[in-house]
């Protein structure tokens, strides 16, 4: 049986910025990237889950405009 406490799946949006300019896109986000307190919160959530339950599975999915336009945020969270 799968212990759901040992699984963590997160979808993270490090930035709303996008460099594609798709003609069909209707998104109207305020341009910016994830603030440092939010980054710390995500890292703390992961650390607490590891400490409390151990993790057999961790999945981070990146979402947003183009996540790598905020690659510093992606790399920081992945550390």
PDB file of N, CA and C in Angstrom:
ATOM      1  N   UNK A   1       0.840  -1.179   0.000  1.00  0.00           N
ATOM      2  CA  UNK A   1       0.000   0.000   0.000  1.00  0.00           C
ATOM      3  C   UNK A   1       0.890   1.250   0.000  1.00  0.00           C
ATOM      4  N   UNK A   2       0.452   2.268  -0.685  1.00  0.00           N
ATOM      5  CA  UNK A   2       1.200   3.518  -0.774  1.00  0.00           C
ATOM      6  C   UNK A   2       0.877   4.383   0.436  1.00  0.00           C
ATOM      7  N   UNK A   3       1.918   4.829   1.130  1.00  0.00           N
ATOM      8  CA  UNK A   3       1.749   5.739   2.258  1.00  0.00           C
ATOM      9  C   UNK A   3       1.795   7.166   1.709  1.00  0.00           C
ATOM     10  N   UNK A   4       0.643   7.820   1.652  1.00  0.00           N
ATOM     11  CA  UNK A   4       0.566   9.152   1.052  1.00  0.00           C
ATOM     12  C   UNK A   4       1.354  10.197   1.827  1.00  0.00           C
ATOM     13  N   UNK A   5       1.640   9.944   3.098  1.00  0.00           N
ATOM     14  CA  UNK A   5       2.451  10.880   3.871  1.00  0.00           C
ATOM     15  C   UNK A   5       3.894  10.894   3.382  1.00  0.00           C
ATOM     16  N   UNK A   6       4.297   9.837   2.693  1.00  0.00           N
ATOM     17  CA  UNK A   6       5.665   9.745   2.196  1.00  0.00           C
ATOM     18  C   UNK A   6       5.790  10.210   0.745  1.00  0.00           C
ATOM     19  N   UNK A   7       4.729  10.811   0.230  1.00  0.00           N
ATOM     20  CA  UNK A   7       4.723  11.357  -1.135  1.00  0.00           C
ATOM     21  C   UNK A   7       4.442  12.856  -1.059  1.00  0.00           C
ATOM     22  N   UNK A   8       5.141  13.611  -1.853  1.00  0.00           N
ATOM     23  CA  UNK A   8       4.883  15.045  -1.921  1.00  0.00           C
ATOM     24  C   UNK A   8       4.987  15.471  -3.381  1.00  0.00           C
ATOM     25  N   UNK A   9       3.920  16.044  -3.882  1.00  0.00           N
ATOM     26  CA  UNK A   9       3.880  16.541  -5.254  1.00  0.00           C
ATOM     27  C   UNK A   9       3.503  18.017  -5.207  1.00  0.00           C
ATOM     28  N   UNK A  10       4.379  18.860  -5.711  1.00  0.00           N
ATOM     29  CA  UNK A  10       4.147  20.300  -5.702  1.00  0.00           C
ATOM     30  C   UNK A  10       4.221  20.848  -7.119  1.00  0.00           C
ATOM     31  N   UNK A  11       3.348  21.779  -7.420  1.00  0.00           N
ATOM     32  CA  UNK A  11       3.431  22.548  -8.655  1.00  0.00           C
ATOM     33  C   UNK A  11       3.768  23.973  -8.244  1.00  0.00           C
ATOM     34  N   UNK A  12       4.889  24.457  -8.721  1.00  0.00           N
ATOM     35  CA  UNK A  12       5.433  25.738  -8.272  1.00  0.00           C
ATOM     36  C   UNK A  12       5.491  26.712  -9.448  1.00  0.00           C
ATOM     37  N   UNK A  13       5.054  27.935  -9.185  1.00  0.00           N
ATOM     38  CA  UNK A  13       5.059  28.988 -10.212  1.00  0.00           C
ATOM     39  C   UNK A  13       6.080  30.054  -9.819  1.00  0.00           C
ATOM     40  N   UNK A  14       7.326  29.929 -10.296  1.00  0.00           N
ATOM     41  CA  UNK A  14       8.359  30.873  -9.878  1.00  0.00           C
ATOM     42  C   UNK A  14       8.227  32.272 -10.476  1.00  0.00           C
ATOM     43  N   UNK A  15       7.534  32.396 -11.596  1.00  0.00           N
ATOM     44  CA  UNK A  15       7.346  33.708 -12.219  1.00  0.00           C
ATOM     45  C   UNK A  15       6.120  33.690 -13.126  1.00  0.00           C
ATOM     46  N   UNK A  16       5.582  34.870 -13.344  1.00  0.00           N
ATOM     47  CA  UNK A  16       4.497  35.010 -14.307  1.00  0.00           C
ATOM     48  C   UNK A  16       5.039  35.435 -15.664  1.00  0.00           C
ATOM     49  N   UNK A  17       6.315  35.831 -15.696  1.00  0.00           N
ATOM     50  CA  UNK A  17       6.911  36.324 -16.941  1.00  0.00           C
ATOM     51  C   UNK A  17       6.895  35.249 -18.017  1.00  0.00           C
ATOM     52  N   UNK A  18       6.707  35.694 -19.240  1.00  0.00           N
ATOM     53  CA  UNK A  18       6.688  34.767 -20.370  1.00  0.00           C
ATOM     54  C   UNK A  18       7.325  35.456 -21.570  1.00  0.00           C
ATOM     55  N   UNK A  19       8.112  34.706 -22.306  1.00  0.00           N
ATOM     56  CA  UNK A  19       8.761  35.269 -23.481  1.00  0.00           C
ATOM     57  C   UNK A  19       8.197  34.716 -24.790  1.00  0.00           C
ATOM     58  N   UNK A  20       7.078  34.007 -24.743  1.00  0.00           N
ATOM     59  CA  UNK A  20       6.532  33.397 -25.952  1.00  0.00           C
ATOM     60  C   UNK A  20       5.574  34.308 -26.717  1.00  0.00           C
ATOM     61  N   UNK A  21       4.791  35.105 -26.038  1.00  0.00           N
ATOM     62  CA  UNK A  21       3.834  36.030 -26.654  1.00  0.00           C
ATOM     63  C   UNK A  21       2.854  35.318 -27.587  1.00  0.00           C
ATOM     64  N   UNK A  22       2.291  34.250 -27.117  1.00  0.00           N
ATOM     65  CA  UNK A  22       1.328  33.481 -27.919  1.00  0.00           C
ATOM     66  C   UNK A  22       0.093  34.339 -28.209  1.00  0.00           C
ATOM     67  N   UNK A  23      -0.369  34.329 -29.433  1.00  0.00           N
ATOM     68  CA  UNK A  23      -1.494  35.185 -29.824  1.00  0.00           C
ATOM     69  C   UNK A  23      -2.796  34.778 -29.144  1.00  0.00           C
ATOM     70  N   UNK A  24      -2.912  33.530 -28.744  1.00  0.00           N
ATOM     71  CA  UNK A  24      -4.146  33.047 -28.124  1.00  0.00           C
ATOM     72  C   UNK A  24      -4.147  33.195 -26.599  1.00  0.00           C
ATOM     73  N   UNK A  25      -3.038  33.628 -26.028  1.00  0.00           N
ATOM     74  CA  UNK A  25      -2.926  33.680 -24.565  1.00  0.00           C
ATOM     75  C   UNK A  25      -3.774  34.816 -24.002  1.00  0.00           C
ATOM     76  N   UNK A  26      -4.517  34.494 -22.960  1.00  0.00           N
ATOM     77  CA  UNK A  26      -5.393  35.480 -22.322  1.00  0.00           C
ATOM     78  C   UNK A  26      -4.930  35.833 -20.913  1.00  0.00           C
ATOM     79  N   UNK A  27      -3.814  35.297 -20.484  1.00  0.00           N
ATOM     80  CA  UNK A  27      -3.326  35.558 -19.129  1.00  0.00           C
ATOM     81  C   UNK A  27      -2.952  37.024 -18.976  1.00  0.00           C
ATOM     82  N   UNK A  28      -3.252  37.563 -17.811  1.00  0.00           N
ATOM     83  CA  UNK A  28      -2.947  38.957 -17.527  1.00  0.00           C
ATOM     84  C   UNK A  28      -2.411  39.059 -16.105  1.00  0.00           C
ATOM     85  N   UNK A  29      -1.248  38.471 -15.874  1.00  0.00           N
ATOM     86  CA  UNK A  29      -0.643  38.497 -14.546  1.00  0.00           C
ATOM     87  C   UNK A  29       0.169  39.768 -14.367  1.00  0.00           C
ATOM     88  N   UNK A  30       0.284  40.185 -13.125  1.00  0.00           N
ATOM     89  CA  UNK A  30       1.240  41.226 -12.798  1.00  0.00           C
ATOM     90  C   UNK A  30       2.614  40.571 -12.945  1.00  0.00           C
ATOM     91  N   UNK A  31       3.491  41.226 -13.670  1.00  0.00           N
ATOM     92  CA  UNK A  31       4.801  40.628 -13.926  1.00  0.00           C
ATOM     93  C   UNK A  31       5.637  40.676 -12.652  1.00  0.00           C
ATOM     94  N   UNK A  32       6.262  39.573 -12.344  1.00  0.00           N
ATOM     95  CA  UNK A  32       7.129  39.498 -11.186  1.00  0.00           C
ATOM     96  C   UNK A  32       7.566  38.075 -10.974  1.00  0.00           C
ATOM     97  N   UNK A  33       8.367  37.875  -9.936  1.00  0.00           N
ATOM     98  CA  UNK A  33       8.747  36.512  -9.617  1.00  0.00           C
ATOM     99  C   UNK A  33       8.538  36.264  -8.137  1.00  0.00           C
ATOM    100  N   UNK A  34       8.600  35.032  -7.774  1.00  0.00           N
ATOM    101  CA  UNK A  34       8.298  34.600  -6.421  1.00  0.00           C
ATOM    102  C   UNK A  34       9.171  35.338  -5.402  1.00  0.00           C
ATOM    103  N   UNK A  35       8.542  35.849  -4.373  1.00  0.00           N
ATOM    104  CA  UNK A  35       9.237  36.596  -3.327  1.00  0.00           C
ATOM    105  C   UNK A  35      10.016  35.650  -2.411  1.00  0.00           C
ATOM    106  N   UNK A  36      11.120  36.125  -1.825  1.00  0.00           N
ATOM    107  CA  UNK A  36      11.940  35.278  -0.953  1.00  0.00           C
ATOM    108  C   UNK A  36      11.176  34.590   0.186  1.00  0.00           C
ATOM    109  N   UNK A  37      10.216  35.242   0.861  1.00  0.00           N
ATOM    110  CA  UNK A  37       9.502  34.520   1.925  1.00  0.00           C
ATOM    111  C   UNK A  37       8.707  33.314   1.407  1.00  0.00           C
ATOM    112  N   UNK A  38       8.197  33.404   0.189  1.00  0.00           N
ATOM    113  CA  UNK A  38       7.457  32.282  -0.393  1.00  0.00           C
ATOM    114  C   UNK A  38       8.424  31.148  -0.716  1.00  0.00           C
ATOM    115  N   UNK A  39       9.588  31.488  -1.254  1.00  0.00           N
ATOM    116  CA  UNK A  39      10.616  30.471  -1.528  1.00  0.00           C
ATOM    117  C   UNK A  39      10.981  29.731  -0.248  1.00  0.00           C
ATOM    118  N   UNK A  40      11.214  30.492   0.808  1.00  0.00           N
ATOM    119  CA  UNK A  40      11.572  29.880   2.094  1.00  0.00           C
ATOM    120  C   UNK A  40      10.452  28.982   2.598  1.00  0.00           C
ATOM    121  N   UNK A  41       9.215  29.411   2.407  1.00  0.00           N
ATOM    122  CA  UNK A  41       8.078  28.602   2.832  1.00  0.00           C
ATOM    123  C   UNK A  41       8.023  27.262   2.118  1.00  0.00           C
ATOM    124  N   UNK A  42       8.300  27.259   0.824  1.00  0.00           N
ATOM    125  CA  UNK A  42       8.304  26.005   0.062  1.00  0.00           C
ATOM    126  C   UNK A  42       9.424  25.097   0.548  1.00  0.00           C
ATOM    127  N   UNK A  43      10.616  25.670   0.725  1.00  0.00           N
ATOM    128  CA  UNK A  43      11.748  24.863   1.201  1.00  0.00           C
ATOM    129  C   UNK A  43      11.477  24.317   2.602  1.00  0.00           C
ATOM    130  N   UNK A  44      10.862  25.127   3.456  1.00  0.00           N
ATOM    131  CA  UNK A  44      10.528  24.666   4.809  1.00  0.00           C
ATOM    132  C   UNK A  44       9.485  23.558   4.785  1.00  0.00           C
ATOM    133  N   UNK A  45       8.494  23.676   3.917  1.00  0.00           N
ATOM    134  CA  UNK A  45       7.480  22.628   3.789  1.00  0.00           C
ATOM    135  C   UNK A  45       8.129  21.298   3.418  1.00  0.00           C
ATOM    136  N   UNK A  46       9.005  21.322   2.422  1.00  0.00           N
ATOM    137  CA  UNK A  46       9.682  20.098   1.999  1.00  0.00           C
ATOM    138  C   UNK A  46      10.530  19.543   3.135  1.00  0.00           C
ATOM    139  N   UNK A  47      11.309  20.404   3.799  1.00  0.00           N
ATOM    140  CA  UNK A  47      12.174  19.953   4.893  1.00  0.00           C
ATOM    141  C   UNK A  47      11.366  19.346   6.035  1.00  0.00           C
ATOM    142  N   UNK A  48      10.244  19.959   6.385  1.00  0.00           N
ATOM    143  CA  UNK A  48       9.412  19.424   7.471  1.00  0.00           C
ATOM    144  C   UNK A  48       8.814  18.077   7.111  1.00  0.00           C
ATOM    145  N   UNK A  49       8.386  17.917   5.861  1.00  0.00           N
ATOM    146  CA  UNK A  49       7.839  16.615   5.438  1.00  0.00           C
ATOM    147  C   UNK A  49       8.910  15.536   5.478  1.00  0.00           C
ATOM    148  N   UNK A  50      10.129  15.888   5.059  1.00  0.00           N
ATOM    149  CA  UNK A  50      11.234  14.924   5.108  1.00  0.00           C
ATOM    150  C   UNK A  50      11.529  14.552   6.555  1.00  0.00           C
ATOM    151  N   UNK A  51      11.596  15.556   7.422  1.00  0.00           N
ATOM    152  CA  UNK A  51      11.905  15.320   8.831  1.00  0.00           C
ATOM    153  C   UNK A  51      10.819  14.499   9.524  1.00  0.00           C
ATOM    154  N   UNK A  52       9.576  14.819   9.274  1.00  0.00           N
ATOM    155  CA  UNK A  52       8.472  14.168   9.974  1.00  0.00           C
ATOM    156  C   UNK A  52       8.181  12.761   9.456  1.00  0.00           C
ATOM    157  N   UNK A  53       8.144  12.598   8.144  1.00  0.00           N
ATOM    158  CA  UNK A  53       7.697  11.325   7.570  1.00  0.00           C
ATOM    159  C   UNK A  53       8.757  10.600   6.755  1.00  0.00           C
ATOM    160  N   UNK A  54       9.803  11.303   6.359  1.00  0.00           N
ATOM    161  CA  UNK A  54      10.687  10.757   5.338  1.00  0.00           C
ATOM    162  C   UNK A  54       9.904  10.823   4.039  1.00  0.00           C
ATOM    163  N   UNK A  55      10.562  10.858   2.945  1.00  0.00           N
ATOM    164  CA  UNK A  55       9.850  10.892   1.671  1.00  0.00           C
ATOM    165  C   UNK A  55      10.355   9.770   0.788  1.00  0.00           C
ATOM    166  N   UNK A  56       9.435   9.022   0.231  1.00  0.00           N
ATOM    167  CA  UNK A  56       9.781   8.024  -0.771  1.00  0.00           C
ATOM    168  C   UNK A  56       9.686   8.630  -2.166  1.00  0.00           C
ATOM    169  N   UNK A  57       8.942   9.731  -2.277  1.00  0.00           N
ATOM    170  CA  UNK A  57       8.686  10.308  -3.592  1.00  0.00           C
ATOM    171  C   UNK A  57       8.487  11.816  -3.458  1.00  0.00           C
ATOM    172  N   UNK A  58       9.237  12.580  -4.236  1.00  0.00           N
ATOM    173  CA  UNK A  58       9.078  14.032  -4.298  1.00  0.00           C
ATOM    174  C   UNK A  58       9.022  14.430  -5.767  1.00  0.00           C
ATOM    175  N   UNK A  59       7.976  15.156  -6.131  1.00  0.00           N
ATOM    176  CA  UNK A  59       7.832  15.639  -7.501  1.00  0.00           C
ATOM    177  C   UNK A  59       7.622  17.145  -7.469  1.00  0.00           C
ATOM    178  N   UNK A  60       8.486  17.869  -8.157  1.00  0.00           N
ATOM    179  CA  UNK A  60       8.325  19.306  -8.327  1.00  0.00           C
ATOM    180  C   UNK A  60       8.020  19.563  -9.792  1.00  0.00           C
ATOM    181  N   UNK A  61       6.878  20.158 -10.052  1.00  0.00           N
ATOM    182  CA  UNK A  61       6.506  20.549 -11.412  1.00  0.00           C
ATOM    183  C   UNK A  61       6.563  22.064 -11.475  1.00  0.00           C
ATOM    184  N   UNK A  62       7.111  22.569 -12.551  1.00  0.00           N
ATOM    185  CA  UNK A  62       7.258  24.011 -12.703  1.00  0.00           C
ATOM    186  C   UNK A  62       6.179  24.533 -13.638  1.00  0.00           C
ATOM    187  N   UNK A  63       5.574  25.645 -13.235  1.00  0.00           N
ATOM    188  CA  UNK A  63       4.427  26.215 -13.919  1.00  0.00           C
ATOM    189  C   UNK A  63       4.626  27.717 -13.992  1.00  0.00           C
ATOM    190  N   UNK A  64       3.893  28.364 -14.832  1.00  0.00           N
ATOM    191  CA  UNK A  64       3.919  29.821 -14.844  1.00  0.00           C
ATOM    192  C   UNK A  64       3.931  30.339 -16.255  1.00  0.00           C
ATOM    193  N   UNK A  65       4.541  31.476 -16.385  1.00  0.00           N
ATOM    194  CA  UNK A  65       4.824  31.981 -17.716  1.00  0.00           C
ATOM    195  C   UNK A  65       5.875  31.041 -18.287  1.00  0.00           C
ATOM    196  N   UNK A  66       7.123  31.400 -18.150  1.00  0.00           N
ATOM    197  CA  UNK A  66       8.248  30.531 -18.498  1.00  0.00           C
ATOM    198  C   UNK A  66       9.107  30.428 -17.244  1.00  0.00           C
ATOM    199  N   UNK A  67       9.037  29.307 -16.520  1.00  0.00           N
ATOM    200  CA  UNK A  67       9.725  29.180 -15.235  1.00  0.00           C
ATOM    201  C   UNK A  67      11.214  29.511 -15.278  1.00  0.00           C
ATOM    202  N   UNK A  68      11.894  29.208 -16.372  1.00  0.00           N
ATOM    203  CA  UNK A  68      13.332  29.451 -16.410  1.00  0.00           C
ATOM    204  C   UNK A  68      13.697  30.919 -16.602  1.00  0.00           C
ATOM    205  N   UNK A  69      12.709  31.787 -16.761  1.00  0.00           N
ATOM    206  CA  UNK A  69      12.994  33.219 -16.704  1.00  0.00           C
ATOM    207  C   UNK A  69      13.263  33.638 -15.259  1.00  0.00           C
ATOM    208  N   UNK A  70      13.007  32.754 -14.329  1.00  0.00           N
ATOM    209  CA  UNK A  70      13.349  32.954 -12.912  1.00  0.00           C
ATOM    210  C   UNK A  70      14.173  31.752 -12.458  1.00  0.00           C
ATOM    211  N   UNK A  71      15.209  31.421 -13.238  1.00  0.00           N
ATOM    212  CA  UNK A  71      15.964  30.206 -12.937  1.00  0.00           C
ATOM    213  C   UNK A  71      16.634  30.255 -11.571  1.00  0.00           C
ATOM    214  N   UNK A  72      16.925  31.452 -11.052  1.00  0.00           N
ATOM    215  CA  UNK A  72      17.488  31.537  -9.705  1.00  0.00           C
ATOM    216  C   UNK A  72      16.513  30.970  -8.678  1.00  0.00           C
ATOM    217  N   UNK A  73      15.228  31.208  -8.867  1.00  0.00           N
ATOM    218  CA  UNK A  73      14.209  30.668  -7.963  1.00  0.00           C
ATOM    219  C   UNK A  73      14.148  29.147  -8.101  1.00  0.00           C
ATOM    220  N   UNK A  74      14.142  28.649  -9.329  1.00  0.00           N
ATOM    221  CA  UNK A  74      14.096  27.203  -9.574  1.00  0.00           C
ATOM    222  C   UNK A  74      15.300  26.529  -8.931  1.00  0.00           C
ATOM    223  N   UNK A  75      16.499  27.073  -9.166  1.00  0.00           N
ATOM    224  CA  UNK A  75      17.711  26.461  -8.618  1.00  0.00           C
ATOM    225  C   UNK A  75      17.723  26.518  -7.093  1.00  0.00           C
ATOM    226  N   UNK A  76      17.270  27.639  -6.528  1.00  0.00           N
ATOM    227  CA  UNK A  76      17.253  27.772  -5.064  1.00  0.00           C
ATOM    228  C   UNK A  76      16.343  26.728  -4.429  1.00  0.00           C
ATOM    229  N   UNK A  77      15.170  26.533  -4.976  1.00  0.00           N
ATOM    230  CA  UNK A  77      14.237  25.559  -4.409  1.00  0.00           C
ATOM    231  C   UNK A  77      14.759  24.138  -4.608  1.00  0.00           C
ATOM    232  N   UNK A  78      15.413  23.890  -5.726  1.00  0.00           N
ATOM    233  CA  UNK A  78      15.928  22.539  -6.004  1.00  0.00           C
ATOM    234  C   UNK A  78      17.116  22.156  -5.127  1.00  0.00           C
ATOM    235  N   UNK A  79      17.815  23.128  -4.586  1.00  0.00           N
ATOM    236  CA  UNK A  79      18.953  22.807  -3.722  1.00  0.00           C
ATOM    237  C   UNK A  79      18.453  22.076  -2.540  1.00  0.00           C
TER     238      UNK A  79
END
